[in-house]
């Protein structure tokens, strides 16, 4: 399955702090806006999605994204990876990495597939939570470069 979505260093923010889940979602959304991927109103759609379907996926990772209606505010598919080394309370779970997703179609599925591979491997999940550089994150979440 081909994917046009490429995670770049400007979409990765490490060593951030958020007081709570809402602040963490705001940071992911603001980065998506900064990247030019979404209209500012998409951040509201991300909060609406979180209120109806929590986006914690395990291993200290959440994938906040907008509602189906929010897709109209997506200009281009993009990811925003924000790391919180001290953790953020996410409705009873602790999140160390929030991956904001902006997608109007299915382009993000390849990245979610890569993420699933990371989350099912405790060593890779630990590397994602403790990534020291954007390149570390890109190596983990980018297209499979086996070989």
Protein backbone atom coordinates (compact mmCIF):
# COMPACT_ATOMS: atom_id res chain seq x y z
CA UNK A 1 0.00 0.00 0.00
CA UNK A 2 1.71 3.23 -1.08
CA UNK A 3 1.79 6.18 1.26
CA UNK A 4 2.70 9.79 0.49
CA UNK A 5 2.98 10.69 4.15
CA UNK A 6 6.53 11.41 5.24
CA UNK A 7 7.34 12.32 8.81
CA UNK A 8 9.84 15.19 8.91
CA UNK A 9 11.95 16.68 11.69
CA UNK A 10 9.89 19.90 11.74
CA UNK A 11 6.88 17.79 12.81
CA UNK A 12 8.63 16.45 15.92
CA UNK A 13 8.83 18.28 19.25
CA UNK A 14 10.80 16.66 22.07
CA UNK A 15 11.12 17.46 25.75
CA UNK A 16 7.78 19.24 26.10
CA UNK A 17 5.61 19.74 29.19
CA UNK A 18 1.82 19.76 29.38
CA UNK A 19 -0.29 20.32 32.49
CA UNK A 20 -2.98 17.92 31.31
CA UNK A 21 -4.44 16.02 28.37
CA UNK A 22 -6.16 19.12 26.96
CA UNK A 23 -2.88 21.06 26.95
CA UNK A 24 -1.12 18.14 25.25
CA UNK A 25 -3.82 18.02 22.55
CA UNK A 26 -3.50 21.80 22.14
CA UNK A 27 0.26 21.37 21.50
CA UNK A 28 -0.33 18.64 18.90
CA UNK A 29 -3.01 20.72 17.22
CA UNK A 30 -0.92 23.89 17.26
CA UNK A 31 1.93 22.01 15.59
CA UNK A 32 -0.43 20.71 12.87
CA UNK A 33 -1.58 24.31 12.31
CA UNK A 34 2.05 25.51 12.24
CA UNK A 35 2.87 22.85 9.65
CA UNK A 36 0.06 24.20 7.46
CA UNK A 37 -1.78 20.88 7.56
CA UNK A 38 -5.02 22.06 9.16
CA UNK A 39 -7.20 25.08 9.77
CA UNK A 40 -7.09 26.31 13.41
CA UNK A 41 -10.62 24.96 14.00
CA UNK A 42 -9.26 21.42 13.67
CA UNK A 43 -7.87 21.68 17.21
CA UNK A 44 -11.45 21.97 18.50
CA UNK A 45 -12.36 18.86 16.49
CA UNK A 46 -9.44 17.05 18.18
CA UNK A 47 -10.88 17.90 21.62
CA UNK A 48 -14.35 16.79 20.47
CA UNK A 49 -12.94 13.43 19.32
CA UNK A 50 -11.11 12.96 22.62
CA UNK A 51 -14.31 13.65 24.57
CA UNK A 52 -16.18 10.92 22.68
CA UNK A 53 -13.41 8.37 21.99
CA UNK A 54 -10.22 8.53 24.09
CA UNK A 55 -7.14 8.21 21.90
CA UNK A 56 -4.74 6.49 24.32
CA UNK A 57 -3.41 3.42 22.46
CA UNK A 58 -1.03 1.92 25.03
CA UNK A 59 2.71 1.92 25.79
CA UNK A 60 2.53 5.59 26.83
CA UNK A 61 1.24 6.77 23.43
CA UNK A 62 -1.91 8.61 22.36
CA UNK A 63 -3.00 9.52 18.84
CA UNK A 64 -5.22 12.60 19.11
CA UNK A 65 -7.05 13.41 15.90
CA UNK A 66 -10.17 15.21 14.77
CA UNK A 67 -13.73 14.08 14.31
CA UNK A 68 -15.05 12.93 10.94
CA UNK A 69 -16.64 16.38 10.53
CA UNK A 70 -13.22 17.90 11.27
CA UNK A 71 -11.79 16.33 8.11
CA UNK A 72 -13.12 19.33 6.19
CA UNK A 73 -10.51 21.44 8.04
CA UNK A 74 -7.58 19.27 6.89
CA UNK A 75 -5.49 20.89 4.15
CA UNK A 76 -3.00 18.03 3.86
CA UNK A 77 -2.30 14.79 5.66
CA UNK A 78 0.32 15.23 8.35
CA UNK A 79 1.54 14.00 11.70
CA UNK A 80 2.72 15.99 14.69
CA UNK A 81 4.77 14.05 17.24
CA UNK A 82 5.08 15.66 20.66
CA UNK A 83 7.07 14.01 23.44
CA UNK A 84 6.36 14.65 27.14
CA UNK A 85 9.24 13.07 29.15
CA UNK A 86 7.50 13.68 32.49
CA UNK A 87 4.25 12.18 31.23
CA UNK A 88 0.74 13.57 30.98
CA UNK A 89 -2.30 12.15 32.74
CA UNK A 90 -4.54 10.89 29.95
CA UNK A 91 -7.76 9.95 31.71
CA UNK A 92 -5.97 7.63 34.12
CA UNK A 93 -3.18 6.50 31.81
CA UNK A 94 0.18 8.22 31.38
CA UNK A 95 1.15 9.47 27.93
CA UNK A 96 4.75 10.26 27.02
CA UNK A 97 4.25 10.66 23.27
CA UNK A 98 1.21 12.19 21.58
CA UNK A 99 0.98 11.81 17.82
CA UNK A 100 -1.48 14.29 16.35
CA UNK A 101 -3.00 13.08 13.11
CA UNK A 102 -4.51 15.21 10.36
CA UNK A 103 -5.98 13.15 7.54
CA UNK A 104 -8.82 13.66 5.11
CA UNK A 105 -8.39 10.25 3.49
CA UNK A 106 -6.56 7.04 4.28
CA UNK A 107 -2.97 8.29 3.79
CA UNK A 108 -2.20 8.02 7.49
CA UNK A 109 -2.80 4.26 7.65
CA UNK A 110 0.80 3.40 6.74
CA UNK A 111 2.06 5.47 9.65
CA UNK A 112 -0.47 3.87 11.98
CA UNK A 113 0.77 0.49 10.79
CA UNK A 114 4.35 1.52 11.64
CA UNK A 115 3.13 2.80 15.01
CA UNK A 116 1.39 -0.51 15.70
CA UNK A 117 4.71 -2.25 15.05
CA UNK A 118 6.39 0.03 17.59
CA UNK A 119 3.67 -0.40 20.20
CA UNK A 120 3.75 -4.19 20.02
CA UNK A 121 7.52 -4.18 20.61
CA UNK A 122 8.26 -2.97 24.17
CA UNK A 123 11.88 -2.12 23.26
CA UNK A 124 10.81 0.07 20.31
CA UNK A 125 8.07 1.67 22.40
CA UNK A 126 10.65 2.55 25.06
CA UNK A 127 12.90 4.04 22.35
CA UNK A 128 10.00 6.20 21.12
CA UNK A 129 9.22 7.45 24.64
CA UNK A 130 12.88 8.31 25.27
CA UNK A 131 13.84 9.57 21.79
CA UNK A 132 16.59 12.18 22.03
CA UNK A 133 16.40 13.56 18.48
CA UNK A 134 13.73 13.95 15.79
CA UNK A 135 15.76 11.48 13.70
CA UNK A 136 15.21 8.83 16.39
CA UNK A 137 11.44 9.32 16.08
CA UNK A 138 11.54 9.30 12.27
CA UNK A 139 13.60 6.09 12.29
CA UNK A 140 10.95 4.41 14.44
CA UNK A 141 7.84 5.72 12.71
CA UNK A 142 9.05 6.16 9.14
CA UNK A 143 8.60 3.63 6.35
CA UNK A 144 10.14 0.25 6.95
CA UNK A 145 13.81 0.49 6.01
CA UNK A 146 14.72 -3.12 6.72
CA UNK A 147 17.82 -4.32 5.02
